[in-house]
Protein backbone atom coordinates (compact mmCIF):
# COMPACT_ATOMS: atom_id res chain seq x y z
CA MET A 1 91.98 152.56 131.03
CA THR A 2 95.45 153.12 132.48
CA PHE A 3 95.84 153.68 136.20
CA LEU A 4 98.39 155.56 138.34
CA ALA A 5 99.00 154.43 141.37
CA ILE A 6 100.71 156.91 143.88
CA ASP A 7 102.47 156.27 147.46
CA VAL A 8 103.63 159.32 149.26
CA GLY A 9 105.69 158.48 152.26
CA ASN A 10 107.70 160.36 154.71
CA THR A 11 110.61 160.76 152.57
CA ARG A 12 109.69 159.70 148.84
CA LEU A 13 106.89 159.96 146.47
CA LYS A 14 106.90 156.78 144.54
CA TRP A 15 104.65 156.10 141.63
CA ALA A 16 103.78 153.47 138.85
CA LEU A 17 101.47 153.53 135.75
CA TYR A 18 99.58 150.44 134.80
CA GLU A 19 97.79 149.27 131.85
CA ALA A 20 94.55 149.07 133.68
CA PRO A 21 93.30 149.14 137.52
CA GLN A 22 93.36 145.57 137.87
CA PRO A 23 95.76 142.95 139.70
CA GLY A 24 98.04 141.28 137.18
CA ALA A 25 98.07 144.48 134.77
CA ALA A 26 101.32 145.54 132.82
CA LEU A 27 103.65 147.88 134.21
CA LEU A 28 103.98 150.86 132.08
CA ALA A 29 106.35 153.16 133.81
CA GLN A 30 107.57 153.81 137.39
CA GLY A 31 109.33 156.14 139.15
CA ALA A 32 110.25 158.02 142.75
CA GLU A 33 111.07 161.49 143.51
CA PHE A 34 111.99 162.79 147.09
CA LEU A 35 109.30 165.31 148.44
CA ASP A 36 111.61 168.34 148.03
CA HIS A 37 111.20 167.57 144.44
CA ILE A 38 107.79 166.69 143.88
CA ASP A 39 106.96 170.27 142.02
CA ARG A 40 109.23 169.07 139.12
CA LEU A 41 107.13 165.74 138.25
CA ALA A 42 104.69 167.63 135.67
CA GLU A 43 107.58 168.96 133.64
CA GLY A 44 109.74 165.86 134.31
CA ALA A 45 109.12 162.53 134.56
CA TRP A 46 105.18 162.76 134.18
CA ALA A 47 105.40 164.57 131.16
CA SER A 48 105.81 162.20 128.56
CA LEU A 49 103.56 159.37 130.27
CA PRO A 50 100.44 157.95 128.47
CA VAL A 51 97.26 159.76 130.15
CA PRO A 52 95.95 158.02 133.20
CA THR A 53 92.46 157.68 133.28
CA ARG A 54 92.22 156.48 137.06
CA MET A 55 94.16 157.17 140.00
CA VAL A 56 94.22 155.95 143.61
CA GLY A 57 96.94 156.82 146.03
CA CYS A 58 97.73 156.87 149.51
CA VAL A 59 99.81 159.91 151.46
CA VAL A 60 101.16 160.01 154.77
CA ALA A 61 103.28 163.10 154.56
CA GLY A 62 100.27 165.56 155.25
CA ASP A 63 97.70 167.88 153.32
CA ALA A 64 100.29 169.99 152.14
CA VAL A 65 102.22 167.48 150.29
CA LYS A 66 98.82 166.16 148.92
CA ARG A 67 97.97 169.41 147.48
CA ARG A 68 101.58 169.46 145.86
CA VAL A 69 100.97 166.22 144.10
CA GLU A 70 97.35 167.45 143.08
CA GLU A 71 98.86 170.27 141.47
CA GLN A 72 101.05 168.50 139.55
CA MET A 73 98.40 166.23 138.09
CA GLU A 74 96.59 169.08 136.55
CA LEU A 75 98.16 168.29 133.35
CA TRP A 76 95.85 165.33 133.09
CA ASP A 77 92.11 165.32 133.25
CA VAL A 78 92.15 162.69 136.05
CA SER A 79 90.41 162.97 139.62
CA ALA A 80 92.66 162.34 142.69
CA ASN A 81 91.46 159.36 144.69
CA TRP A 82 93.02 159.10 147.84
CA VAL A 83 92.69 156.07 150.56
CA VAL A 84 91.40 156.82 154.15
CA ALA A 85 91.36 153.76 156.38
CA SER A 86 87.86 152.65 156.83
CA ALA A 87 86.18 149.98 158.77
CA GLN A 88 86.42 147.50 155.78
CA GLU A 89 87.63 147.55 152.11
CA ALA A 90 88.96 144.88 149.58
CA GLY A 91 87.98 142.10 152.19
CA LEU A 92 89.91 143.44 155.01
CA ARG A 93 88.31 144.39 158.12
CA ASN A 94 89.72 146.95 160.39
CA GLY A 95 90.08 146.38 164.12
CA TYR A 96 91.36 149.67 164.99
CA ASP A 97 89.89 151.43 167.80
CA HIS A 98 88.94 154.26 165.36
CA PRO A 99 89.34 152.95 161.95
CA SER A 100 90.08 156.26 160.20
CA ARG A 101 92.84 156.80 162.49
CA LEU A 102 94.95 153.94 160.94
CA GLY A 103 97.67 154.95 158.64
CA CYS A 104 96.59 154.53 155.13
CA ASP A 105 99.83 153.15 154.09
CA ARG A 106 99.72 150.31 156.60
CA TRP A 107 95.81 149.61 155.45
CA VAL A 108 96.79 149.31 151.72
CA ALA A 109 99.86 147.23 152.41
CA MET A 110 97.66 145.00 154.29
CA ILE A 111 95.39 144.84 151.65
CA GLY A 112 97.91 143.83 149.02
CA ALA A 113 99.32 141.49 151.38
CA ARG A 114 96.14 139.70 152.14
CA GLN A 115 95.48 139.32 148.24
CA HIS A 116 98.67 137.57 147.52
CA LEU A 117 98.02 135.54 150.45
CA LEU A 118 94.35 134.23 149.04
CA ALA A 119 95.85 133.67 145.52
CA ARG A 120 98.11 131.04 146.61
CA GLY A 121 95.50 128.99 148.52
CA PRO A 122 93.45 128.65 151.90
CA ALA A 123 93.41 131.52 154.06
CA ARG A 124 95.93 131.78 156.99
CA PRO A 125 96.98 134.16 159.73
CA LEU A 126 99.27 137.00 158.09
CA ILE A 127 101.90 139.22 159.36
CA VAL A 128 102.71 142.38 157.32
CA VAL A 129 106.22 143.93 158.07
CA MET A 130 106.96 147.42 156.39
CA VAL A 131 110.66 148.60 156.99
CA GLY A 132 110.87 152.26 156.39
CA THR A 133 111.35 155.56 158.15
CA ALA A 134 109.45 153.67 160.59
CA VAL A 135 108.76 150.15 161.25
CA THR A 136 105.26 148.59 161.32
CA VAL A 137 104.46 145.14 162.25
CA GLU A 138 100.41 143.79 161.55
CA ALA A 139 98.85 140.73 162.50
CA ILE A 140 95.83 139.72 160.40
CA ASP A 141 93.78 136.70 161.59
CA VAL A 142 92.33 134.14 159.18
CA GLN A 143 89.05 135.71 158.67
CA GLY A 144 90.80 139.02 157.35
CA THR A 145 90.38 140.94 160.18
CA PHE A 146 93.26 143.52 161.41
CA LEU A 147 94.03 142.43 164.93
CA GLY A 148 96.38 145.62 165.72
CA GLY A 149 99.77 146.20 164.92
CA LEU A 150 103.20 147.56 166.56
CA ILE A 151 104.81 150.76 165.29
CA LEU A 152 108.68 151.28 166.32
CA PRO A 153 111.46 153.62 164.97
CA GLY A 154 113.37 152.47 161.74
CA HIS A 155 117.42 151.92 161.83
CA GLY A 156 117.60 155.87 161.06
CA ILE A 157 115.65 157.03 163.91
CA MET A 158 117.07 154.51 166.35
CA LEU A 159 120.62 155.55 165.43
CA ARG A 160 120.13 159.39 165.50
CA ALA A 161 118.14 159.22 168.76
CA LEU A 162 121.50 157.41 170.25
CA GLU A 163 123.47 160.11 168.55
CA SER A 164 121.64 163.13 170.05
CA GLY A 165 121.29 161.73 173.55
CA THR A 166 124.49 159.97 174.59
CA ALA A 167 127.89 161.74 174.25
CA GLY A 168 130.48 160.30 171.92
CA LEU A 169 128.13 158.08 169.81
CA HIS A 170 127.83 158.87 165.93
CA VAL A 171 125.50 157.35 163.21
CA PRO A 172 127.44 154.38 162.11
CA THR A 173 128.13 152.25 159.04
CA GLY A 174 128.53 149.12 160.88
CA GLU A 175 127.58 145.59 160.53
CA VAL A 176 125.12 143.20 161.81
CA ARG A 177 126.96 140.69 163.96
CA LEU A 178 126.42 138.15 166.33
CA PHE A 179 128.81 139.43 168.78
CA PRO A 180 129.58 143.11 167.93
CA THR A 181 133.07 143.91 169.08
CA ASN A 182 133.04 147.56 168.03
CA THR A 183 130.58 150.49 168.56
CA SER A 184 129.50 150.91 164.82
CA ASP A 185 128.59 147.27 164.88
CA ALA A 186 127.29 147.31 168.10
CA LEU A 187 124.76 150.07 167.30
CA THR A 188 123.76 148.44 163.96
CA SER A 189 123.13 145.15 165.23
CA GLY A 190 121.33 146.64 168.34
CA GLY A 191 118.89 148.38 165.98
CA THR A 192 118.41 145.24 163.77
CA TYR A 193 117.64 142.77 166.30
CA ALA A 194 115.07 145.29 168.32
CA ILE A 195 113.27 145.09 165.09
CA ALA A 196 113.55 141.53 164.53
CA GLY A 197 112.75 140.65 168.34
CA ALA A 198 109.29 142.99 167.94
CA VAL A 199 108.37 140.88 164.66
CA GLU A 200 109.01 137.66 166.49
CA ARG A 201 106.77 138.87 169.55
CA MET A 202 103.92 139.57 167.14
CA VAL A 203 104.51 136.17 165.38
CA GLN A 204 104.22 134.58 168.46
CA HIS A 205 101.12 136.49 169.58
CA LEU A 206 99.27 135.77 166.25
CA ALA A 207 100.24 132.16 166.18
CA GLN A 208 98.79 131.56 169.97
CA HIS A 209 95.71 133.74 169.08
CA CYS A 210 94.71 131.77 165.91
CA GLY A 211 96.18 128.43 166.65
CA ALA A 212 97.94 128.29 163.35
CA GLU A 213 101.48 129.57 162.16
CA PRO A 214 101.25 132.74 160.55
CA MET A 215 102.42 133.43 157.13
CA CYS A 216 104.99 136.33 156.93
CA MET A 217 105.53 139.03 154.51
CA MET A 218 108.21 142.17 154.32
CA THR A 219 108.01 145.12 152.39
CA GLY A 220 109.76 148.57 152.48
CA GLY A 221 112.75 150.05 151.50
CA ALA A 222 115.01 148.79 153.87
CA GLY A 223 113.32 145.13 154.09
CA TRP A 224 116.36 143.75 152.49
CA LYS A 225 118.58 144.81 155.05
CA MET A 226 116.32 143.06 157.76
CA ALA A 227 115.65 140.01 155.91
CA PRO A 228 118.86 138.16 156.75
CA SER A 229 118.28 138.67 160.57
CA MET A 230 115.24 137.61 160.98
CA GLY A 231 114.41 134.54 163.19
CA ARG A 232 112.13 132.81 160.76
CA SER A 233 111.20 132.60 156.78
CA PHE A 234 109.76 135.80 155.61
CA GLU A 235 108.54 136.77 152.00
CA LEU A 236 110.32 139.67 150.81
CA MET A 237 107.77 141.73 148.55
CA ASP A 238 109.04 144.86 146.27
CA ASN A 239 105.72 146.92 146.99
CA LEU A 240 102.85 145.95 148.80
CA ILE A 241 101.38 149.41 148.65
CA PHE A 242 101.13 149.26 144.96
CA ASP A 243 99.61 146.21 144.96
CA GLY A 244 96.83 147.24 147.47
CA LEU A 245 96.45 150.08 145.60
CA ILE A 246 95.67 148.18 142.37
CA GLU A 247 93.35 145.88 144.44
CA ILE A 248 91.15 148.90 145.59
CA ALA A 249 91.04 150.52 142.48
CA ALA A 250 90.19 147.46 140.73
CA ARG A 251 86.71 147.24 143.35
CA ARG A 252 85.91 150.90 143.21
CA PHE A 253 85.95 151.23 139.58
CA ALA A 254 84.58 147.75 138.34
CA SER A 255 81.55 148.59 136.31
């Protein structure tokens, strides 16, 4: 029973085909396409794949993009199962005021992160950081309740906002420095430390709330850029969204 996981973000569609909808299943193939190029998947990267028998995905790019993905999936006889955040799934409880309004990418990544945590030993508080177009910082307590999270702009959005609102500034290619002495480094360092500071504050909140030091996981395309600048130890994970999609699929299709 091959399983296709699809993560449609704000910029790219990422996909992975697994041998089965089970954690630890062998990865058969994977790839990514910019959203502008989704319409070439059926005749390109997906054309020679083994036929998936199950599919679960999450999409934050909107219904129009979702329809385009489903059109590409018409080369197979497989139903599209899109995740929507709910009050509870795969052992995680949703503390959002309106659970269905939580971004599905955030929800799925948290499910994947908590399963990693539980696979290693006793439960403990958990911070999950996704660094992409936007940055999210989630707090999960020992019992597996999502308490709440932060959303802030990613590096690119921050720098473009400064460029458009401040005369003479341009999106830089600077480095992160302790004491920046040029404008490019100052902008890059400022954005990086703004994200690091938001994460640190959430870690402090969760530790105080739970009375225990949280475990911290970071994922996302730009996670590797942030990791050296964090004030505490973080485990850098390749793709928590795929891990969460596999966990959800294993439970939904168990029979």
